[in-house]
Amino acid sequence: MLLSVENVHKRFGGLVALQDVTVGMDEGRIFGLIGPNGSGKTTLVNIISGFLRPTSGRIVFDGREIQAEPPHRIARAGLCRTFQITLNPARMTVMENMLLGAKQQTGEQVLRGALHPMAVRREEAANLQRAWELLEMVNLHHHADEFAGSLSGGQKKLLALVQILMAEPRLILLDEPVAGVNPRLIDDIVDVIFRLREAGHSFFIIEHNMGVVRRLCDRICVLDMGQVLAEGAPDDVLAREEVLQAYLAAGGDVEDA
């Protein structure tokens, strides 16, 4: 199993945000995390990615416990994430943003960079080539010299996704990858995720768009009030009465559920 969340609890003072949450996913799969607003999805993802620590429980990634690790070490281990609101530096170009994502570059260390100039040049050339290939894959290569802040919302989501690929992750955690994106670009994002899965990438996705969840996910988990309400194949889980009732009780749209 690539990722295992085991009996995770999270308290904020007297508020219980997560209670005995256990989920897991295998490599090469797309796992979806859904639930009404306030169900604990973001808290769980922040714990998995190291931005919060659980009150109790374990997070095991690729056979290694990571619940006490900081975000940068988790990312270096191969678990990388995007955010609902993209955080790419707006006043850097699209290509500069891509090159930021390349991992463990020799030139970032002054002494090693000075002692191994040829290695630095080779890495820079390889990273630039990889960045062009990824930008072409998502049709952003024409925007390579533009500021990232000039992109549309959907294009920023695509940039955040391919920037992560520069780090060669084992697992990509996507926080609402199609939120606020126009329908045409939603199809583009879904297509890119499918192609990456076919190439061997694994995804853990939070998403409110149930059409996208049905199209993308091999397996989903529903959180409600900090607990696992249901888990299984999307069509089976989304047909359950208790899942529909959870969305309605939270004031959600029937179409969402």
Protein backbone atom coordinates (compact mmCIF):
# COMPACT_ATOMS: atom_id res chain seq x y z
CA MET A 1 0.00 0.00 0.00
CA LEU A 2 1.42 3.39 -1.01
CA LEU A 3 -0.40 5.51 1.58
CA SER A 4 -2.03 4.38 4.81
CA VAL A 5 -3.89 6.63 7.24
CA GLU A 6 -4.36 4.70 10.48
CA ASN A 7 -6.74 5.67 13.30
CA VAL A 8 -6.08 9.38 12.95
CA HIS A 9 -7.62 11.76 15.47
CA LYS A 10 -7.30 15.54 15.45
CA ARG A 11 -8.50 17.96 18.12
CA PHE A 12 -8.39 21.74 18.13
CA GLY A 13 -8.98 22.45 21.81
CA GLY A 14 -12.43 21.06 22.52
CA LEU A 15 -13.30 20.63 18.83
CA VAL A 16 -12.91 17.13 17.38
CA ALA A 17 -12.03 17.65 13.72
CA LEU A 18 -11.16 14.01 12.90
CA GLN A 19 -12.10 10.88 14.81
CA ASP A 20 -10.57 7.45 14.14
CA VAL A 21 -10.04 8.04 10.41
CA THR A 22 -8.54 5.07 8.57
CA VAL A 23 -8.10 5.01 4.79
CA GLY A 24 -5.51 3.68 2.37
CA MET A 25 -4.62 3.58 -1.30
CA ASP A 26 -2.45 1.53 -3.60
CA GLU A 27 0.13 2.78 -6.07
CA GLY A 28 -1.02 3.63 -9.59
CA ARG A 29 -4.56 4.52 -8.47
CA ILE A 30 -6.71 7.64 -8.18
CA PHE A 31 -8.26 7.93 -4.72
CA GLY A 32 -10.94 10.52 -4.02
CA LEU A 33 -11.81 12.19 -0.71
CA ILE A 34 -15.24 13.80 -0.63
CA GLY A 35 -17.72 15.09 1.94
CA PRO A 36 -19.82 18.12 2.82
CA ASN A 37 -18.20 21.38 3.88
CA GLY A 38 -16.74 21.11 7.37
CA SER A 39 -16.40 17.34 7.25
CA GLY A 40 -12.64 17.36 7.90
CA LYS A 41 -11.25 16.86 4.39
CA THR A 42 -8.82 19.77 4.47
CA THR A 43 -7.68 18.87 7.98
CA LEU A 44 -6.89 15.33 6.86
CA VAL A 45 -5.00 16.48 3.79
CA ASN A 46 -3.02 18.97 5.86
CA ILE A 47 -2.06 16.15 8.23
CA ILE A 48 -1.04 13.84 5.38
CA SER A 49 1.14 16.55 3.82
CA GLY A 50 2.72 17.64 7.11
CA PHE A 51 1.08 21.04 7.59
CA LEU A 52 -0.69 19.73 10.70
CA ARG A 53 0.20 16.96 13.14
CA PRO A 54 -2.45 14.49 14.28
CA THR A 55 -3.43 14.33 17.92
CA SER A 56 -2.97 10.57 17.57
CA GLY A 57 -2.69 7.97 14.82
CA ARG A 58 -0.20 7.16 12.07
CA ILE A 59 0.42 8.22 8.47
CA VAL A 60 2.53 5.71 6.55
CA PHE A 61 3.81 6.64 3.09
CA ASP A 62 5.76 4.09 1.06
CA GLY A 63 6.50 2.10 4.23
CA ARG A 64 7.69 5.12 6.24
CA GLU A 65 5.89 6.90 9.08
CA ILE A 66 5.57 10.60 8.21
CA GLN A 67 3.09 12.05 10.72
CA ALA A 68 5.90 13.84 12.58
CA GLU A 69 7.74 15.04 9.46
CA PRO A 70 7.65 18.66 8.23
CA PRO A 71 6.14 19.40 4.79
CA HIS A 72 9.45 19.82 2.95
CA ARG A 73 10.70 16.40 4.06
CA ILE A 74 7.43 14.76 3.08
CA ALA A 75 7.69 16.42 -0.34
CA ARG A 76 11.27 15.20 -0.73
CA ALA A 77 10.08 11.70 0.14
CA GLY A 78 7.79 11.88 -2.90
CA LEU A 79 4.41 13.06 -1.57
CA CYS A 80 3.68 16.44 -3.15
CA ARG A 81 0.51 18.53 -3.09
CA THR A 82 -1.31 21.41 -4.73
CA PHE A 83 -3.60 23.86 -2.97
CA GLN A 84 -7.16 24.95 -3.68
CA ILE A 85 -5.84 28.46 -4.31
CA THR A 86 -2.65 28.11 -6.35
CA LEU A 87 0.49 29.50 -4.71
CA ASN A 88 2.76 29.91 -7.74
CA PRO A 89 4.69 33.23 -7.55
CA ALA A 90 2.64 35.57 -9.75
CA ARG A 91 5.60 37.80 -10.74
CA MET A 92 7.72 34.92 -11.98
CA THR A 93 7.27 33.53 -15.48
CA VAL A 94 5.63 30.21 -16.17
CA MET A 95 9.02 28.69 -17.03
CA GLU A 96 10.64 30.10 -13.89
CA ASN A 97 7.86 28.53 -11.84
CA MET A 98 8.52 25.20 -13.52
CA LEU A 99 12.24 25.31 -12.80
CA LEU A 100 11.50 26.03 -9.13
CA GLY A 101 9.99 22.56 -8.89
CA ALA A 102 13.07 20.59 -9.95
CA LYS A 103 14.41 18.61 -7.01
CA GLN A 104 17.88 18.52 -5.39
CA GLN A 105 19.70 20.73 -7.87
CA THR A 106 23.49 20.80 -7.46
CA GLY A 107 23.60 24.51 -8.28
CA GLU A 108 21.51 25.33 -5.20
CA GLN A 109 24.49 24.46 -2.99
CA VAL A 110 27.26 27.04 -3.34
CA LEU A 111 30.25 24.77 -2.69
CA ARG A 112 29.03 21.84 -4.80
CA GLY A 113 27.98 24.21 -7.56
CA ALA A 114 31.43 25.80 -7.64
CA LEU A 115 33.20 22.43 -7.62
CA HIS A 116 30.99 20.78 -10.23
CA PRO A 117 30.09 23.39 -12.87
CA MET A 118 29.62 20.82 -15.64
CA ALA A 119 27.15 18.86 -13.50
CA VAL A 120 25.22 22.07 -12.86
CA ARG A 121 25.01 22.81 -16.60
CA ARG A 122 23.87 19.26 -17.38
CA GLU A 123 21.16 19.41 -14.70
CA GLU A 124 19.97 22.82 -15.88
CA ALA A 125 19.72 21.61 -19.47
CA ALA A 126 17.85 18.46 -18.44
CA ASN A 127 15.46 20.44 -16.21
CA LEU A 128 14.76 22.94 -18.98
CA GLN A 129 14.02 20.14 -21.44
CA ARG A 130 11.72 18.41 -18.94
CA ALA A 131 9.90 21.69 -18.23
CA TRP A 132 9.25 22.29 -21.94
CA GLU A 133 7.90 18.76 -22.37
CA LEU A 134 5.52 19.14 -19.44
CA LEU A 135 4.31 22.57 -20.55
CA GLU A 136 3.63 21.21 -24.03
CA MET A 137 1.64 18.35 -22.50
CA VAL A 138 -0.80 20.85 -20.93
CA ASN A 139 -0.64 23.37 -23.80
CA LEU A 140 1.09 26.04 -21.69
CA HIS A 141 4.34 26.17 -23.66
CA HIS A 142 3.11 29.26 -25.54
CA HIS A 143 2.90 31.04 -22.17
CA ALA A 144 6.37 30.07 -20.96
CA ASP A 145 7.68 33.67 -20.88
CA GLU A 146 4.52 35.21 -19.41
CA PHE A 147 4.01 35.93 -15.72
CA ALA A 148 2.18 33.13 -13.93
CA GLY A 149 -0.22 35.73 -12.54
CA SER A 150 -1.54 36.43 -16.05
CA LEU A 151 -2.87 32.88 -16.50
CA SER A 152 -6.53 31.98 -16.12
CA GLY A 153 -7.69 30.01 -13.07
CA GLY A 154 -7.69 26.73 -14.98
CA GLN A 155 -4.27 27.38 -16.49
CA LYS A 156 -2.89 28.09 -13.00
CA LYS A 157 -4.23 24.71 -11.86
CA LEU A 158 -2.48 23.02 -14.79
CA LEU A 159 0.75 24.88 -14.03
CA ALA A 160 0.64 23.78 -10.39
CA LEU A 161 0.13 20.18 -11.48
CA VAL A 162 2.99 20.02 -13.97
CA GLN A 163 5.29 21.95 -11.65
CA ILE A 164 4.85 19.12 -9.13
CA LEU A 165 5.94 16.64 -11.80
CA MET A 166 9.33 18.38 -11.94
CA ALA A 167 9.93 16.91 -8.47
CA GLU A 168 9.25 13.35 -9.70
CA PRO A 169 6.68 12.53 -6.97
CA ARG A 170 5.42 9.08 -5.99
CA LEU A 171 2.02 10.49 -4.94
CA ILE A 172 0.30 13.71 -6.05
CA LEU A 173 -2.25 15.18 -3.66
CA LEU A 174 -4.66 17.54 -5.45
CA ASP A 175 -6.86 19.92 -3.45
CA GLU A 176 -9.96 20.68 -5.58
CA PRO A 177 -8.19 20.61 -8.97
CA VAL A 178 -11.24 21.85 -10.93
CA ALA A 179 -12.71 24.36 -8.45
CA GLY A 180 -13.52 27.63 -10.22
CA VAL A 181 -12.40 26.27 -13.60
CA ASN A 182 -14.45 26.72 -16.78
CA PRO A 183 -15.94 23.52 -18.27
CA ARG A 184 -13.56 23.33 -21.23
CA LEU A 185 -10.49 23.42 -19.00
CA ILE A 186 -12.09 20.93 -16.61
CA ASP A 187 -12.01 18.41 -19.44
CA ASP A 188 -8.35 19.28 -20.10
CA ILE A 189 -7.41 18.78 -16.44
CA VAL A 190 -9.27 15.46 -16.25
CA ASP A 191 -7.55 14.30 -19.44
CA VAL A 192 -4.10 15.21 -18.08
CA ILE A 193 -4.73 13.34 -14.82
CA PHE A 194 -5.88 10.26 -16.77
CA ARG A 195 -2.77 10.33 -18.94
CA LEU A 196 -0.51 10.70 -15.93
CA ARG A 197 -2.21 7.78 -14.19
CA GLU A 198 -1.67 5.67 -17.30
CA ALA A 199 2.01 6.65 -17.10
CA GLY A 200 2.14 5.26 -13.54
CA HIS A 201 1.41 8.27 -11.35
CA SER A 202 -0.79 8.00 -8.24
CA PHE A 203 -3.30 10.63 -7.09
CA PHE A 204 -5.13 11.49 -3.87
CA ILE A 205 -7.82 14.03 -4.75
CA ILE A 206 -10.22 16.24 -2.79
CA GLU A 207 -13.05 17.34 -5.08
CA HIS A 208 -16.63 18.65 -4.84
CA ASN A 209 -17.48 18.11 -8.50
CA MET A 210 -19.16 14.70 -8.41
CA GLY A 211 -19.06 14.35 -12.19
CA VAL A 212 -15.28 14.63 -12.06
CA VAL A 213 -15.12 12.24 -9.09
CA ARG A 214 -17.10 9.63 -11.02
CA ARG A 215 -14.91 10.04 -14.10
CA LEU A 216 -11.55 10.02 -12.35
CA CYS A 217 -11.54 8.00 -9.17
CA ASP A 218 -11.02 4.26 -8.78
CA ARG A 219 -12.08 4.46 -5.14
CA ILE A 220 -13.49 7.17 -2.89
CA CYS A 221 -13.93 7.87 0.81
CA VAL A 222 -16.70 10.05 2.26
CA LEU A 223 -15.97 12.03 5.41
CA ASP A 224 -18.81 13.42 7.53
CA MET A 225 -18.33 15.26 10.82
CA GLY A 226 -14.74 14.05 11.00
CA GLN A 227 -15.51 10.35 10.54
CA VAL A 228 -15.42 7.93 7.62
CA LEU A 229 -19.02 7.52 6.47
CA ALA A 230 -18.44 5.27 3.46
CA GLU A 231 -15.65 3.97 1.24
CA GLY A 232 -15.62 2.03 -2.02
CA ALA A 233 -16.20 2.35 -5.76
CA PRO A 234 -17.63 5.79 -6.70
CA ASP A 235 -20.94 4.59 -8.17
CA ASP A 236 -21.62 2.36 -5.16
CA VAL A 237 -20.73 4.97 -2.55
CA LEU A 238 -22.57 7.85 -4.21
CA ALA A 239 -25.74 5.76 -4.42
CA ARG A 240 -25.89 5.21 -0.64
CA GLU A 241 -28.70 6.92 1.21
CA GLU A 242 -26.49 7.93 4.14
CA VAL A 243 -24.14 9.80 1.79
CA LEU A 244 -27.02 11.76 0.26
CA GLN A 245 -28.38 12.55 3.72
CA ALA A 246 -24.98 13.80 4.90
CA TYR A 247 -24.85 16.33 2.06
CA LEU A 248 -28.44 17.45 2.62
CA ALA A 249 -27.92 17.82 6.37
CA ALA A 250 -24.92 20.08 5.70
CA GLY A 251 -26.96 22.26 3.34
CA GLY A 252 -25.31 20.90 0.20
CA ASP A 253 -26.82 20.73 -3.25
CA VAL A 254 -28.62 17.49 -4.13
CA GLU A 255 -26.70 17.47 -7.42
CA ASP A 256 -23.41 17.54 -5.47
CA ALA A 257 -24.43 14.41 -3.65
